[in-house]
């Protein structure tokens, strides 16, 4: 009986140790899961901000291109008119 009791005590200690280890691992996993979610949120935010900035740059460059194009067309019309007047 003493041997069996000692084994029971030993197994209970092992069980308690494993339970504490599991709780520690679960707590760490929860912490890491939270950290991962925060990182993913930050990545999404940075991605959305980058996409918005890209769209703004595209819009700005498109407007600049249209302005430049209109200026060139006006200059071509002016030169064309000047050539017609000289002819």
C-alpha atoms as a PDB file:
ATOM      1  CA  UNK A   1       0.000   0.000   0.000  1.00  0.00           C
ATOM      2  CA  UNK A   2       2.806   2.382   0.839  1.00  0.00           C
ATOM      3  CA  UNK A   3       4.350   1.834  -2.556  1.00  0.00           C
ATOM      4  CA  UNK A   4       0.983   2.428  -4.253  1.00  0.00           C
ATOM      5  CA  UNK A   5       0.367   5.535  -2.149  1.00  0.00           C
ATOM      6  CA  UNK A   6       3.813   6.876  -3.049  1.00  0.00           C
ATOM      7  CA  UNK A   7       3.110   6.239  -6.724  1.00  0.00           C
ATOM      8  CA  UNK A   8      -0.262   8.017  -6.441  1.00  0.00           C
ATOM      9  CA  UNK A   9       1.438  11.009  -4.788  1.00  0.00           C
ATOM     10  CA  UNK A  10       4.082  11.014  -7.514  1.00  0.00           C
ATOM     11  CA  UNK A  11       1.465  10.821 -10.271  1.00  0.00           C
ATOM     12  CA  UNK A  12      -0.532  13.624  -8.657  1.00  0.00           C
ATOM     13  CA  UNK A  13       2.595  15.784  -8.555  1.00  0.00           C
ATOM     14  CA  UNK A  14       3.254  15.017 -12.214  1.00  0.00           C
ATOM     15  CA  UNK A  15      -0.371  15.815 -13.067  1.00  0.00           C
ATOM     16  CA  UNK A  16      -0.204  19.100 -11.158  1.00  0.00           C
ATOM     17  CA  UNK A  17       3.070  19.980 -12.867  1.00  0.00           C
ATOM     18  CA  UNK A  18       1.629  19.171 -16.282  1.00  0.00           C
ATOM     19  CA  UNK A  19      -1.531  21.147 -15.507  1.00  0.00           C
ATOM     20  CA  UNK A  20       0.561  24.178 -14.563  1.00  0.00           C
ATOM     21  CA  UNK A  21       2.644  23.747 -17.718  1.00  0.00           C
ATOM     22  CA  UNK A  22      -0.518  23.540 -19.824  1.00  0.00           C
ATOM     23  CA  UNK A  23      -1.898  26.689 -18.211  1.00  0.00           C
ATOM     24  CA  UNK A  24       1.375  28.467 -18.879  1.00  0.00           C
ATOM     25  CA  UNK A  25       1.367  27.330 -22.506  1.00  0.00           C
ATOM     26  CA  UNK A  26      -2.283  28.332 -22.917  1.00  0.00           C
ATOM     27  CA  UNK A  27      -1.558  31.762 -21.452  1.00  0.00           C
ATOM     28  CA  UNK A  28       1.434  32.190 -23.763  1.00  0.00           C
ATOM     29  CA  UNK A  29      -0.643  31.058 -26.767  1.00  0.00           C
ATOM     30  CA  UNK A  30      -3.359  33.560 -25.881  1.00  0.00           C
ATOM     31  CA  UNK A  31      -0.773  36.318 -25.584  1.00  0.00           C
ATOM     32  CA  UNK A  32       0.827  35.383 -28.918  1.00  0.00           C
ATOM     33  CA  UNK A  33      -2.589  35.183 -30.585  1.00  0.00           C
ATOM     34  CA  UNK A  34      -3.374  38.694 -29.379  1.00  0.00           C
ATOM     35  CA  UNK A  35      -0.005  39.952 -30.589  1.00  0.00           C
ATOM     36  CA  UNK A  36      -0.545  38.297 -33.977  1.00  0.00           C
ATOM     37  CA  UNK A  37      -3.994  39.884 -34.322  1.00  0.00           C
ATOM     38  CA  UNK A  38      -2.534  43.300 -33.485  1.00  0.00           C
ATOM     39  CA  UNK A  39       0.233  42.820 -36.067  1.00  0.00           C
ATOM     40  CA  UNK A  40      -2.295  41.790 -38.713  1.00  0.00           C
ATOM     41  CA  UNK A  41      -4.400  44.849 -37.885  1.00  0.00           C
ATOM     42  CA  UNK A  42      -1.351  47.095 -38.279  1.00  0.00           C
ATOM     43  CA  UNK A  43      -0.428  45.414 -41.567  1.00  0.00           C
ATOM     44  CA  UNK A  44      -3.966  45.961 -42.909  1.00  0.00           C
ATOM     45  CA  UNK A  45      -3.860  49.599 -41.816  1.00  0.00           C
ATOM     46  CA  UNK A  46      -0.487  50.200 -43.482  1.00  0.00           C
ATOM     47  CA  UNK A  47      -1.669  48.424 -46.635  1.00  0.00           C
ATOM     48  CA  UNK A  48      -4.857  50.507 -46.797  1.00  0.00           C
ATOM     49  CA  UNK A  49      -2.910  53.729 -46.215  1.00  0.00           C
ATOM     50  CA  UNK A  50      -0.388  52.766 -48.902  1.00  0.00           C
ATOM     51  CA  UNK A  51      -3.130  51.953 -51.395  1.00  0.00           C
ATOM     52  CA  UNK A  52      -4.824  55.269 -50.645  1.00  0.00           C
ATOM     53  CA  UNK A  53      -1.555  57.170 -51.145  1.00  0.00           C
ATOM     54  CA  UNK A  54      -0.957  55.336 -54.420  1.00  0.00           C
ATOM     55  CA  UNK A  55      -4.445  56.276 -55.624  1.00  0.00           C
ATOM     56  CA  UNK A  56      -3.825  59.905 -54.641  1.00  0.00           C
ATOM     57  CA  UNK A  57      -0.507  59.951 -56.523  1.00  0.00           C
ATOM     58  CA  UNK A  58      -2.136  58.362 -59.577  1.00  0.00           C
ATOM     59  CA  UNK A  59      -4.896  60.970 -59.508  1.00  0.00           C
ATOM     60  CA  UNK A  60      -2.407  63.819 -59.083  1.00  0.00           C
ATOM     61  CA  UNK A  61      -0.172  62.544 -61.909  1.00  0.00           C
ATOM     62  CA  UNK A  62      -3.211  62.057 -64.160  1.00  0.00           C
ATOM     63  CA  UNK A  63      -4.288  65.641 -63.527  1.00  0.00           C
ATOM     64  CA  UNK A  64      -0.756  66.895 -64.193  1.00  0.00           C
ATOM     65  CA  UNK A  65      -0.634  64.865 -67.407  1.00  0.00           C
ATOM     66  CA  UNK A  66      -3.987  66.255 -68.579  1.00  0.00           C
ATOM     67  CA  UNK A  67      -2.833  69.813 -67.835  1.00  0.00           C
ATOM     68  CA  UNK A  68       0.453  69.219 -69.690  1.00  0.00           C
ATOM     69  CA  UNK A  69      -1.422  67.635 -72.594  1.00  0.00           C
ATOM     70  CA  UNK A  70      -3.799  70.611 -72.846  1.00  0.00           C
ATOM     71  CA  UNK A  71      -0.861  73.028 -72.742  1.00  0.00           C
ATOM     72  CA  UNK A  72       0.894  71.111 -75.522  1.00  0.00           C
ATOM     73  CA  UNK A  73      -2.264  70.995 -77.609  1.00  0.00           C
ATOM     74  CA  UNK A  74      -2.718  74.747 -77.126  1.00  0.00           C
ATOM     75  CA  UNK A  75       0.899  75.340 -78.128  1.00  0.00           C
ATOM     76  CA  UNK A  76       0.456  73.126 -81.221  1.00  0.00           C
ATOM     77  CA  UNK A  77      -2.696  75.046 -82.162  1.00  0.00           C
ATOM     78  CA  UNK A  78      -0.841  78.333 -81.682  1.00  0.00           C
ATOM     79  CA  UNK A  79       2.083  77.187 -83.849  1.00  0.00           C
ATOM     80  CA  UNK A  80      -0.287  75.775 -86.449  1.00  0.00           C
ATOM     81  CA  UNK A  81      -2.170  79.071 -86.572  1.00  0.00           C
ATOM     82  CA  UNK A  82       1.115  80.949 -86.893  1.00  0.00           C
ATOM     83  CA  UNK A  83       2.155  78.728 -89.813  1.00  0.00           C
ATOM     84  CA  UNK A  84      -1.161  79.278 -91.561  1.00  0.00           C
ATOM     85  CA  UNK A  85      -0.875  83.037 -91.170  1.00  0.00           C
ATOM     86  CA  UNK A  86       2.611  83.038 -92.676  1.00  0.00           C
ATOM     87  CA  UNK A  87       1.528  80.943 -95.607  1.00  0.00           C
END
